[in-house]
PDB file of N, CA and C in Angstrom:
ATOM      1  N   MET A   1     -47.739  35.398  97.281  1.00  0.00           N
ATOM      2  CA  MET A   1     -46.550  35.025  96.526  1.00  0.00           C
ATOM      3  C   MET A   1     -46.925  34.858  95.049  1.00  0.00           C
ATOM      4  N   THR A   2     -46.154  35.466  94.189  1.00  0.00           N
ATOM      5  CA  THR A   2     -46.403  35.395  92.751  1.00  0.00           C
ATOM      6  C   THR A   2     -45.513  34.322  92.133  1.00  0.00           C
ATOM      7  N   THR A   3     -46.118  33.474  91.315  1.00  0.00           N
ATOM      8  CA  THR A   3     -45.315  32.485  90.612  1.00  0.00           C
ATOM      9  C   THR A   3     -45.148  32.943  89.167  1.00  0.00           C
ATOM     10  N   ARG A   4     -43.948  32.846  88.681  1.00  0.00           N
ATOM     11  CA  ARG A   4     -43.666  33.249  87.302  1.00  0.00           C
ATOM     12  C   ARG A   4     -43.836  32.048  86.397  1.00  0.00           C
ATOM     13  N   SER A   5     -44.538  32.254  85.309  1.00  0.00           N
ATOM     14  CA  SER A   5     -44.804  31.177  84.370  1.00  0.00           C
ATOM     15  C   SER A   5     -43.691  31.123  83.319  1.00  0.00           C
ATOM     16  N   ILE A   6     -42.869  30.095  83.415  1.00  0.00           N
ATOM     17  CA  ILE A   6     -41.768  29.902  82.465  1.00  0.00           C
ATOM     18  C   ILE A   6     -42.281  29.061  81.304  1.00  0.00           C
ATOM     19  N   VAL A   7     -41.937  29.464  80.092  1.00  0.00           N
ATOM     20  CA  VAL A   7     -42.300  28.693  78.909  1.00  0.00           C
ATOM     21  C   VAL A   7     -41.032  28.192  78.225  1.00  0.00           C
ATOM     22  N   HIS A   8     -41.174  27.090  77.512  1.00  0.00           N
ATOM     23  CA  HIS A   8     -40.066  26.447  76.805  1.00  0.00           C
ATOM     24  C   HIS A   8     -40.443  26.391  75.332  1.00  0.00           C
ATOM     25  N   LYS A   9     -39.569  26.917  74.484  1.00  0.00           N
ATOM     26  CA  LYS A   9     -39.851  26.904  73.050  1.00  0.00           C
ATOM     27  C   LYS A   9     -38.624  26.440  72.277  1.00  0.00           C
ATOM     28  N   GLU A  10     -38.910  25.639  71.259  1.00  0.00           N
ATOM     29  CA  GLU A  10     -37.891  25.253  70.290  1.00  0.00           C
ATOM     30  C   GLU A  10     -38.199  26.063  69.038  1.00  0.00           C
ATOM     31  N   ILE A  11     -37.208  26.781  68.548  1.00  0.00           N
ATOM     32  CA  ILE A  11     -37.413  27.726  67.455  1.00  0.00           C
ATOM     33  C   ILE A  11     -36.464  27.370  66.314  1.00  0.00           C
ATOM     34  N   LEU A  12     -36.993  27.276  65.120  1.00  0.00           N
ATOM     35  CA  LEU A  12     -36.179  27.044  63.935  1.00  0.00           C
ATOM     36  C   LEU A  12     -36.334  28.281  63.051  1.00  0.00           C
ATOM     37  N   VAL A  13     -35.224  28.969  62.820  1.00  0.00           N
ATOM     38  CA  VAL A  13     -35.242  30.222  62.062  1.00  0.00           C
ATOM     39  C   VAL A  13     -34.628  29.964  60.693  1.00  0.00           C
ATOM     40  N   ARG A  14     -35.368  30.336  59.654  1.00  0.00           N
ATOM     41  CA  ARG A  14     -34.880  30.135  58.286  1.00  0.00           C
ATOM     42  C   ARG A  14     -34.751  31.474  57.575  1.00  0.00           C
ATOM     43  N   GLY A  15     -33.891  31.475  56.563  1.00  0.00           N
ATOM     44  CA  GLY A  15     -33.631  32.676  55.776  1.00  0.00           C
ATOM     45  C   GLY A  15     -32.134  32.900  55.707  1.00  0.00           C
ATOM     46  N   GLN A  16     -31.731  34.135  55.578  1.00  0.00           N
ATOM     47  CA  GLN A  16     -30.304  34.467  55.597  1.00  0.00           C
ATOM     48  C   GLN A  16     -29.919  34.702  57.050  1.00  0.00           C
ATOM     49  N   VAL A  17     -29.613  33.593  57.749  1.00  0.00           N
ATOM     50  CA  VAL A  17     -29.365  33.672  59.190  1.00  0.00           C
ATOM     51  C   VAL A  17     -28.020  33.070  59.608  1.00  0.00           C
ATOM     52  N   GLN A  18     -27.231  32.606  58.646  1.00  0.00           N
ATOM     53  CA  GLN A  18     -25.882  32.156  58.961  1.00  0.00           C
ATOM     54  C   GLN A  18     -24.891  33.087  58.280  1.00  0.00           C
ATOM     55  N   GLY A  19     -23.785  33.348  58.977  1.00  0.00           N
ATOM     56  CA  GLY A  19     -22.755  34.223  58.428  1.00  0.00           C
ATOM     57  C   GLY A  19     -23.078  35.695  58.585  1.00  0.00           C
ATOM     58  N   VAL A  20     -24.070  36.017  59.435  1.00  0.00           N
ATOM     59  CA  VAL A  20     -24.486  37.409  59.626  1.00  0.00           C
ATOM     60  C   VAL A  20     -24.474  37.816  61.106  1.00  0.00           C
ATOM     61  N   GLY A  21     -23.892  36.964  61.961  1.00  0.00           N
ATOM     62  CA  GLY A  21     -23.826  37.262  63.387  1.00  0.00           C
ATOM     63  C   GLY A  21     -25.106  36.969  64.144  1.00  0.00           C
ATOM     64  N   TYR A  22     -25.966  36.133  63.572  1.00  0.00           N
ATOM     65  CA  TYR A  22     -27.263  35.849  64.204  1.00  0.00           C
ATOM     66  C   TYR A  22     -27.085  35.216  65.589  1.00  0.00           C
ATOM     67  N   ARG A  23     -26.248  34.180  65.691  1.00  0.00           N
ATOM     68  CA  ARG A  23     -26.093  33.476  66.974  1.00  0.00           C
ATOM     69  C   ARG A  23     -25.516  34.381  68.058  1.00  0.00           C
ATOM     70  N   ALA A  24     -24.460  35.110  67.740  1.00  0.00           N
ATOM     71  CA  ALA A  24     -23.830  35.985  68.735  1.00  0.00           C
ATOM     72  C   ALA A  24     -24.790  37.080  69.191  1.00  0.00           C
ATOM     73  N   ASN A  25     -25.523  37.654  68.245  1.00  0.00           N
ATOM     74  CA  ASN A  25     -26.485  38.693  68.595  1.00  0.00           C
ATOM     75  C   ASN A  25     -27.657  38.121  69.391  1.00  0.00           C
ATOM     76  N   ALA A  26     -28.108  36.917  69.030  1.00  0.00           N
ATOM     77  CA  ALA A  26     -29.190  36.276  69.778  1.00  0.00           C
ATOM     78  C   ALA A  26     -28.764  36.009  71.217  1.00  0.00           C
ATOM     79  N   LYS A  27     -27.508  35.569  71.405  1.00  0.00           N
ATOM     80  CA  LYS A  27     -27.000  35.340  72.757  1.00  0.00           C
ATOM     81  C   LYS A  27     -26.976  36.646  73.536  1.00  0.00           C
ATOM     82  N   HIS A  28     -26.523  37.718  72.908  1.00  0.00           N
ATOM     83  CA  HIS A  28     -26.475  39.021  73.573  1.00  0.00           C
ATOM     84  C   HIS A  28     -27.874  39.446  74.021  1.00  0.00           C
ATOM     85  N   ILE A  29     -28.852  39.324  73.134  1.00  0.00           N
ATOM     86  CA  ILE A  29     -30.233  39.698  73.461  1.00  0.00           C
ATOM     87  C   ILE A  29     -30.784  38.783  74.553  1.00  0.00           C
ATOM     88  N   ALA A  30     -30.526  37.481  74.440  1.00  0.00           N
ATOM     89  CA  ALA A  30     -30.986  36.524  75.454  1.00  0.00           C
ATOM     90  C   ALA A  30     -30.408  36.874  76.824  1.00  0.00           C
ATOM     91  N   ASP A  31     -29.124  37.195  76.859  1.00  0.00           N
ATOM     92  CA  ASP A  31     -28.484  37.562  78.123  1.00  0.00           C
ATOM     93  C   ASP A  31     -29.089  38.841  78.695  1.00  0.00           C
ATOM     94  N   LEU A  32     -29.371  39.819  77.841  1.00  0.00           N
ATOM     95  CA  LEU A  32     -29.988  41.069  78.303  1.00  0.00           C
ATOM     96  C   LEU A  32     -31.393  40.845  78.861  1.00  0.00           C
ATOM     97  N   LEU A  33     -32.152  39.984  78.184  1.00  0.00           N
ATOM     98  CA  LEU A  33     -33.539  39.747  78.581  1.00  0.00           C
ATOM     99  C   LEU A  33     -33.686  38.724  79.708  1.00  0.00           C
ATOM    100  N   GLY A  34     -32.673  37.876  79.885  1.00  0.00           N
ATOM    101  CA  GLY A  34     -32.761  36.816  80.881  1.00  0.00           C
ATOM    102  C   GLY A  34     -33.338  35.525  80.326  1.00  0.00           C
ATOM    103  N   VAL A  35     -33.159  35.305  79.027  1.00  0.00           N
ATOM    104  CA  VAL A  35     -33.610  34.068  78.386  1.00  0.00           C
ATOM    105  C   VAL A  35     -32.532  33.010  78.585  1.00  0.00           C
ATOM    106  N   GLN A  36     -32.947  31.803  78.953  1.00  0.00           N
ATOM    107  CA  GLN A  36     -32.034  30.678  79.133  1.00  0.00           C
ATOM    108  C   GLN A  36     -32.164  29.777  77.912  1.00  0.00           C
ATOM    109  N   GLY A  37     -31.072  29.148  77.490  1.00  0.00           N
ATOM    110  CA  GLY A  37     -31.198  28.222  76.378  1.00  0.00           C
ATOM    111  C   GLY A  37     -29.918  27.984  75.627  1.00  0.00           C
ATOM    112  N   MET A  38     -30.083  27.675  74.337  1.00  0.00           N
ATOM    113  CA  MET A  38     -28.946  27.363  73.484  1.00  0.00           C
ATOM    114  C   MET A  38     -29.312  27.643  72.035  1.00  0.00           C
ATOM    115  N   ILE A  39     -28.282  27.822  71.221  1.00  0.00           N
ATOM    116  CA  ILE A  39     -28.486  28.151  69.811  1.00  0.00           C
ATOM    117  C   ILE A  39     -27.369  27.515  68.991  1.00  0.00           C
ATOM    118  N   LYS A  40     -27.717  27.105  67.754  1.00  0.00           N
ATOM    119  CA  LYS A  40     -26.657  26.602  66.867  1.00  0.00           C
ATOM    120  C   LYS A  40     -27.098  26.668  65.406  1.00  0.00           C
ATOM    121  N   ASN A  41     -26.093  26.728  64.535  1.00  0.00           N
ATOM    122  CA  ASN A  41     -26.321  26.651  63.096  1.00  0.00           C
ATOM    123  C   ASN A  41     -26.605  25.209  62.726  1.00  0.00           C
ATOM    124  N   MET A  42     -27.535  25.027  61.795  1.00  0.00           N
ATOM    125  CA  MET A  42     -27.890  23.699  61.315  1.00  0.00           C
ATOM    126  C   MET A  42     -27.339  23.503  59.896  1.00  0.00           C
ATOM    127  N   PRO A  43     -27.137  22.245  59.483  1.00  0.00           N
ATOM    128  CA  PRO A  43     -26.578  21.968  58.150  1.00  0.00           C
ATOM    129  C   PRO A  43     -27.415  22.544  57.002  1.00  0.00           C
ATOM    130  N   ASP A  44     -28.718  22.717  57.206  1.00  0.00           N
ATOM    131  CA  ASP A  44     -29.579  23.246  56.135  1.00  0.00           C
ATOM    132  C   ASP A  44     -29.585  24.775  56.077  1.00  0.00           C
ATOM    133  N   ARG A  45     -28.640  25.415  56.781  1.00  0.00           N
ATOM    134  CA  ARG A  45     -28.463  26.877  56.813  1.00  0.00           C
ATOM    135  C   ARG A  45     -29.489  27.594  57.686  1.00  0.00           C
ATOM    136  N   SER A  46     -30.268  26.835  58.466  1.00  0.00           N
ATOM    137  CA  SER A  46     -31.189  27.444  59.430  1.00  0.00           C
ATOM    138  C   SER A  46     -30.456  27.593  60.761  1.00  0.00           C
ATOM    139  N   VAL A  47     -31.115  28.242  61.711  1.00  0.00           N
ATOM    140  CA  VAL A  47     -30.587  28.368  63.067  1.00  0.00           C
ATOM    141  C   VAL A  47     -31.618  27.766  64.013  1.00  0.00           C
ATOM    142  N   TRP A  48     -31.151  26.882  64.890  1.00  0.00           N
ATOM    143  CA  TRP A  48     -32.001  26.210  65.879  1.00  0.00           C
ATOM    144  C   TRP A  48     -31.777  26.864  67.229  1.00  0.00           C
ATOM    145  N   ILE A  49     -32.879  27.163  67.924  1.00  0.00           N
ATOM    146  CA  ILE A  49     -32.810  27.792  69.250  1.00  0.00           C
ATOM    147  C   ILE A  49     -33.705  27.020  70.207  1.00  0.00           C
ATOM    148  N   LEU A  50     -33.202  26.764  71.392  1.00  0.00           N
ATOM    149  CA  LEU A  50     -33.994  26.237  72.491  1.00  0.00           C
ATOM    150  C   LEU A  50     -34.004  27.348  73.524  1.00  0.00           C
ATOM    151  N   ALA A  51     -35.182  27.813  73.932  1.00  0.00           N
ATOM    152  CA  ALA A  51     -35.252  28.970  74.815  1.00  0.00           C
ATOM    153  C   ALA A  51     -36.278  28.776  75.916  1.00  0.00           C
ATOM    154  N   GLU A  52     -35.935  29.265  77.106  1.00  0.00           N
ATOM    155  CA  GLU A  52     -36.845  29.260  78.243  1.00  0.00           C
ATOM    156  C   GLU A  52     -36.827  30.635  78.897  1.00  0.00           C
ATOM    157  N   ALA A  53     -38.022  31.128  79.195  1.00  0.00           N
ATOM    158  CA  ALA A  53     -38.145  32.435  79.841  1.00  0.00           C
ATOM    159  C   ALA A  53     -39.594  32.632  80.265  1.00  0.00           C
ATOM    160  N   GLU A  54     -39.822  33.676  81.053  1.00  0.00           N
ATOM    161  CA  GLU A  54     -41.200  34.063  81.361  1.00  0.00           C
ATOM    162  C   GLU A  54     -41.877  34.422  80.049  1.00  0.00           C
ATOM    163  N   GLU A  55     -43.178  34.231  79.988  1.00  0.00           N
ATOM    164  CA  GLU A  55     -43.902  34.411  78.734  1.00  0.00           C
ATOM    165  C   GLU A  55     -43.707  35.797  78.120  1.00  0.00           C
ATOM    166  N   SER A  56     -43.766  36.851  78.920  1.00  0.00           N
ATOM    167  CA  SER A  56     -43.601  38.213  78.371  1.00  0.00           C
ATOM    168  C   SER A  56     -42.184  38.425  77.844  1.00  0.00           C
ATOM    169  N   VAL A  57     -41.195  37.854  78.530  1.00  0.00           N
ATOM    170  CA  VAL A  57     -39.804  37.940  78.087  1.00  0.00           C
ATOM    171  C   VAL A  57     -39.635  37.143  76.793  1.00  0.00           C
ATOM    172  N   MET A  58     -40.252  35.968  76.739  1.00  0.00           N
ATOM    173  CA  MET A  58     -40.178  35.134  75.538  1.00  0.00           C
ATOM    174  C   MET A  58     -40.772  35.870  74.343  1.00  0.00           C
ATOM    175  N   ASP A  59     -41.881  36.573  74.552  1.00  0.00           N
ATOM    176  CA  ASP A  59     -42.497  37.345  73.463  1.00  0.00           C
ATOM    177  C   ASP A  59     -41.509  38.368  72.901  1.00  0.00           C
ATOM    178  N   ASN A  60     -40.775  39.047  73.780  1.00  0.00           N
ATOM    179  CA  ASN A  60     -39.771  40.023  73.338  1.00  0.00           C
ATOM    180  C   ASN A  60     -38.628  39.346  72.588  1.00  0.00           C
ATOM    181  N   PHE A  61     -38.187  38.189  73.091  1.00  0.00           N
ATOM    182  CA  PHE A  61     -37.108  37.450  72.436  1.00  0.00           C
ATOM    183  C   PHE A  61     -37.549  36.970  71.056  1.00  0.00           C
ATOM    184  N   LEU A  62     -38.765  36.435  70.958  1.00  0.00           N
ATOM    185  CA  LEU A  62     -39.276  35.965  69.669  1.00  0.00           C
ATOM    186  C   LEU A  62     -39.406  37.115  68.671  1.00  0.00           C
ATOM    187  N   ALA A  63     -39.796  38.288  69.160  1.00  0.00           N
ATOM    188  CA  ALA A  63     -39.891  39.464  68.281  1.00  0.00           C
ATOM    189  C   ALA A  63     -38.510  39.795  67.720  1.00  0.00           C
ATOM    190  N   TRP A  64     -37.473  39.711  68.558  1.00  0.00           N
ATOM    191  CA  TRP A  64     -36.117  39.956  68.067  1.00  0.00           C
ATOM    192  C   TRP A  64     -35.724  38.866  67.059  1.00  0.00           C
ATOM    193  N   CYS A  65     -36.033  37.599  67.371  1.00  0.00           N
ATOM    194  CA  CYS A  65     -35.677  36.489  66.482  1.00  0.00           C
ATOM    195  C   CYS A  65     -36.288  36.661  65.095  1.00  0.00           C
ATOM    196  N   ARG A  66     -37.504  37.200  65.022  1.00  0.00           N
ATOM    197  CA  ARG A  66     -38.170  37.404  63.729  1.00  0.00           C
ATOM    198  C   ARG A  66     -37.437  38.454  62.888  1.00  0.00           C
ATOM    199  N   LYS A  67     -36.755  39.378  63.560  1.00  0.00           N
ATOM    200  CA  LYS A  67     -36.030  40.444  62.863  1.00  0.00           C
ATOM    201  C   LYS A  67     -34.560  40.074  62.675  1.00  0.00           C
ATOM    202  N   GLY A  68     -33.916  39.627  63.753  1.00  0.00           N
ATOM    203  CA  GLY A  68     -32.499  39.269  63.709  1.00  0.00           C
ATOM    204  C   GLY A  68     -31.605  40.487  63.634  1.00  0.00           C
ATOM    205  N   PRO A  69     -30.289  40.269  63.491  1.00  0.00           N
ATOM    206  CA  PRO A  69     -29.343  41.379  63.396  1.00  0.00           C
ATOM    207  C   PRO A  69     -29.429  42.066  62.031  1.00  0.00           C
ATOM    208  N   ALA A  70     -28.702  43.149  61.884  1.00  0.00           N
ATOM    209  CA  ALA A  70     -28.791  44.031  60.710  1.00  0.00           C
ATOM    210  C   ALA A  70     -28.708  43.327  59.356  1.00  0.00           C
ATOM    211  N   PHE A  71     -27.789  42.383  59.176  1.00  0.00           N
ATOM    212  CA  PHE A  71     -27.573  41.797  57.856  1.00  0.00           C
ATOM    213  C   PHE A  71     -28.332  40.484  57.626  1.00  0.00           C
ATOM    214  N   SER A  72     -29.171  40.112  58.583  1.00  0.00           N
ATOM    215  CA  SER A  72     -29.950  38.879  58.411  1.00  0.00           C
ATOM    216  C   SER A  72     -31.257  39.186  57.691  1.00  0.00           C
ATOM    217  N   LYS A  73     -31.861  38.123  57.167  1.00  0.00           N
ATOM    218  CA  LYS A  73     -33.186  38.235  56.563  1.00  0.00           C
ATOM    219  C   LYS A  73     -33.958  36.973  56.930  1.00  0.00           C
ATOM    220  N   VAL A  74     -34.796  37.089  57.953  1.00  0.00           N
ATOM    221  CA  VAL A  74     -35.586  35.950  58.408  1.00  0.00           C
ATOM    222  C   VAL A  74     -36.795  35.811  57.491  1.00  0.00           C
ATOM    223  N   THR A  75     -36.960  34.619  56.929  1.00  0.00           N
ATOM    224  CA  THR A  75     -38.095  34.373  56.038  1.00  0.00           C
ATOM    225  C   THR A  75     -39.145  33.475  56.677  1.00  0.00           C
ATOM    226  N   GLU A  76     -38.746  32.714  57.689  1.00  0.00           N
ATOM    227  CA  GLU A  76     -39.682  31.783  58.324  1.00  0.00           C
ATOM    228  C   GLU A  76     -39.201  31.428  59.722  1.00  0.00           C
ATOM    229  N   MET A  77     -40.149  31.272  60.640  1.00  0.00           N
ATOM    230  CA  MET A  77     -39.838  30.786  61.983  1.00  0.00           C
ATOM    231  C   MET A  77     -40.834  29.701  62.349  1.00  0.00           C
ATOM    232  N   GLU A  78     -40.311  28.569  62.771  1.00  0.00           N
ATOM    233  CA  GLU A  78     -41.140  27.453  63.231  1.00  0.00           C
ATOM    234  C   GLU A  78     -40.943  27.356  64.741  1.00  0.00           C
ATOM    235  N   ILE A  79     -42.033  27.465  65.498  1.00  0.00           N
ATOM    236  CA  ILE A  79     -41.952  27.488  66.961  1.00  0.00           C
ATOM    237  C   ILE A  79     -42.751  26.317  67.527  1.00  0.00           C
ATOM    238  N   THR A  80     -42.108  25.549  68.401  1.00  0.00           N
ATOM    239  CA  THR A  80     -42.749  24.408  69.047  1.00  0.00           C
ATOM    240  C   THR A  80     -42.641  24.564  70.558  1.00  0.00           C
ATOM    241  N   MET A  81     -43.740  24.348  71.259  1.00  0.00           N
ATOM    242  CA  MET A  81     -43.738  24.380  72.729  1.00  0.00           C
ATOM    243  C   MET A  81     -43.190  23.056  73.254  1.00  0.00           C
ATOM    244  N   GLY A  82     -42.628  23.099  74.455  1.00  0.00           N
ATOM    245  CA  GLY A  82     -42.118  21.881  75.069  1.00  0.00           C
ATOM    246  C   GLY A  82     -42.154  21.986  76.580  1.00  0.00           C
ATOM    247  N   ALA A  83     -41.737  20.921  77.236  1.00  0.00           N
ATOM    248  CA  ALA A  83     -41.676  20.896  78.698  1.00  0.00           C
ATOM    249  C   ALA A  83     -40.463  21.688  79.179  1.00  0.00           C
ATOM    250  N   VAL A  84     -40.656  22.477  80.222  1.00  0.00           N
ATOM    251  CA  VAL A  84     -39.566  23.286  80.781  1.00  0.00           C
ATOM    252  C   VAL A  84     -38.477  22.363  81.321  1.00  0.00           C
ATOM    253  N   GLN A  85     -37.225  22.677  80.962  1.00  0.00           N
ATOM    254  CA  GLN A  85     -36.075  21.865  81.370  1.00  0.00           C
ATOM    255  C   GLN A  85     -35.180  22.580  82.385  1.00  0.00           C
ATOM    256  N   HIS A  86     -35.533  23.811  82.743  1.00  0.00           N
ATOM    257  CA  HIS A  86     -34.761  24.615  83.709  1.00  0.00           C
ATOM    258  C   HIS A  86     -33.306  24.776  83.280  1.00  0.00           C
ATOM    259  N   ILE A  87     -33.126  25.170  82.043  1.00  0.00           N
ATOM    260  CA  ILE A  87     -31.799  25.402  81.470  1.00  0.00           C
ATOM    261  C   ILE A  87     -31.170  26.613  82.161  1.00  0.00           C
ATOM    262  N   GLN A  88     -29.877  26.560  82.380  1.00  0.00           N
ATOM    263  CA  GLN A  88     -29.145  27.667  82.990  1.00  0.00           C
ATOM    264  C   GLN A  88     -28.207  28.288  81.969  1.00  0.00           C
ATOM    265  N   GLY A  89     -28.276  29.602  81.792  1.00  0.00           N
ATOM    266  CA  GLY A  89     -27.408  30.302  80.859  1.00  0.00           C
ATOM    267  C   GLY A  89     -27.924  30.200  79.433  1.00  0.00           C
ATOM    268  N   PHE A  90     -27.231  30.848  78.526  1.00  0.00           N
ATOM    269  CA  PHE A  90     -27.561  30.776  77.103  1.00  0.00           C
ATOM    270  C   PHE A  90     -26.268  30.487  76.366  1.00  0.00           C
ATOM    271  N   THR A  91     -26.208  29.348  75.693  1.00  0.00           N
ATOM    272  CA  THR A  91     -24.975  28.829  75.116  1.00  0.00           C
ATOM    273  C   THR A  91     -25.037  28.764  73.596  1.00  0.00           C
ATOM    274  N   ILE A  92     -23.953  29.153  72.956  1.00  0.00           N
ATOM    275  CA  ILE A  92     -23.803  28.934  71.505  1.00  0.00           C
ATOM    276  C   ILE A  92     -23.147  27.566  71.343  1.00  0.00           C
ATOM    277  N   LEU A  93     -23.864  26.653  70.718  1.00  0.00           N
ATOM    278  CA  LEU A  93     -23.355  25.296  70.505  1.00  0.00           C
ATOM    279  C   LEU A  93     -22.628  25.194  69.171  1.00  0.00           C
ATOM    280  N   PRO A  94     -21.734  24.214  69.021  1.00  0.00           N
ATOM    281  CA  PRO A  94     -21.086  23.994  67.734  1.00  0.00           C
ATOM    282  C   PRO A  94     -22.150  23.652  66.681  1.00  0.00           C
ATOM    283  N   SER A  95     -21.897  24.004  65.452  1.00  0.00           N
ATOM    284  CA  SER A  95     -22.826  23.725  64.360  1.00  0.00           C
ATOM    285  C   SER A  95     -23.016  22.218  64.215  1.00  0.00           C
ATOM    286  N   GLY A  96     -24.194  21.834  63.717  1.00  0.00           N
ATOM    287  CA  GLY A  96     -24.440  20.417  63.472  1.00  0.00           C
ATOM    288  C   GLY A  96     -25.868  20.029  63.732  1.00  0.00           C
ATOM    289  N   ASN A  97     -26.081  18.747  63.878  1.00  0.00           N
ATOM    290  CA  ASN A  97     -27.423  18.224  64.128  1.00  0.00           C
ATOM    291  C   ASN A  97     -27.811  18.452  65.572  1.00  0.00           C
ATOM    292  N   LYS A  98     -29.115  18.395  65.834  1.00  0.00           N
ATOM    293  CA  LYS A  98     -29.627  18.583  67.199  1.00  0.00           C
ATOM    294  C   LYS A  98     -29.176  17.474  68.104  1.00  0.00           C
TER     295      LYS A  98
END
């Protein structure tokens, strides 16, 4: 029996990432890849993401996050590991504080 290693990451994306469809596109990619989590715009114009997936899937998701959709310009990504919370689905949250 093979056990899949799920990882949990908190990601803060900075740059031109609001007003360019970043959240909607991230949700689409997360749904395609099977990433579970949530995303929202932050008051400082960054985008906060909480994501859980198998490590190889997470690597693909993070690669997309570094690029973003066509009109975005990611200048920095801060990634923090955390304990797996077994999140179900990928949700766009209302803008605001964590």
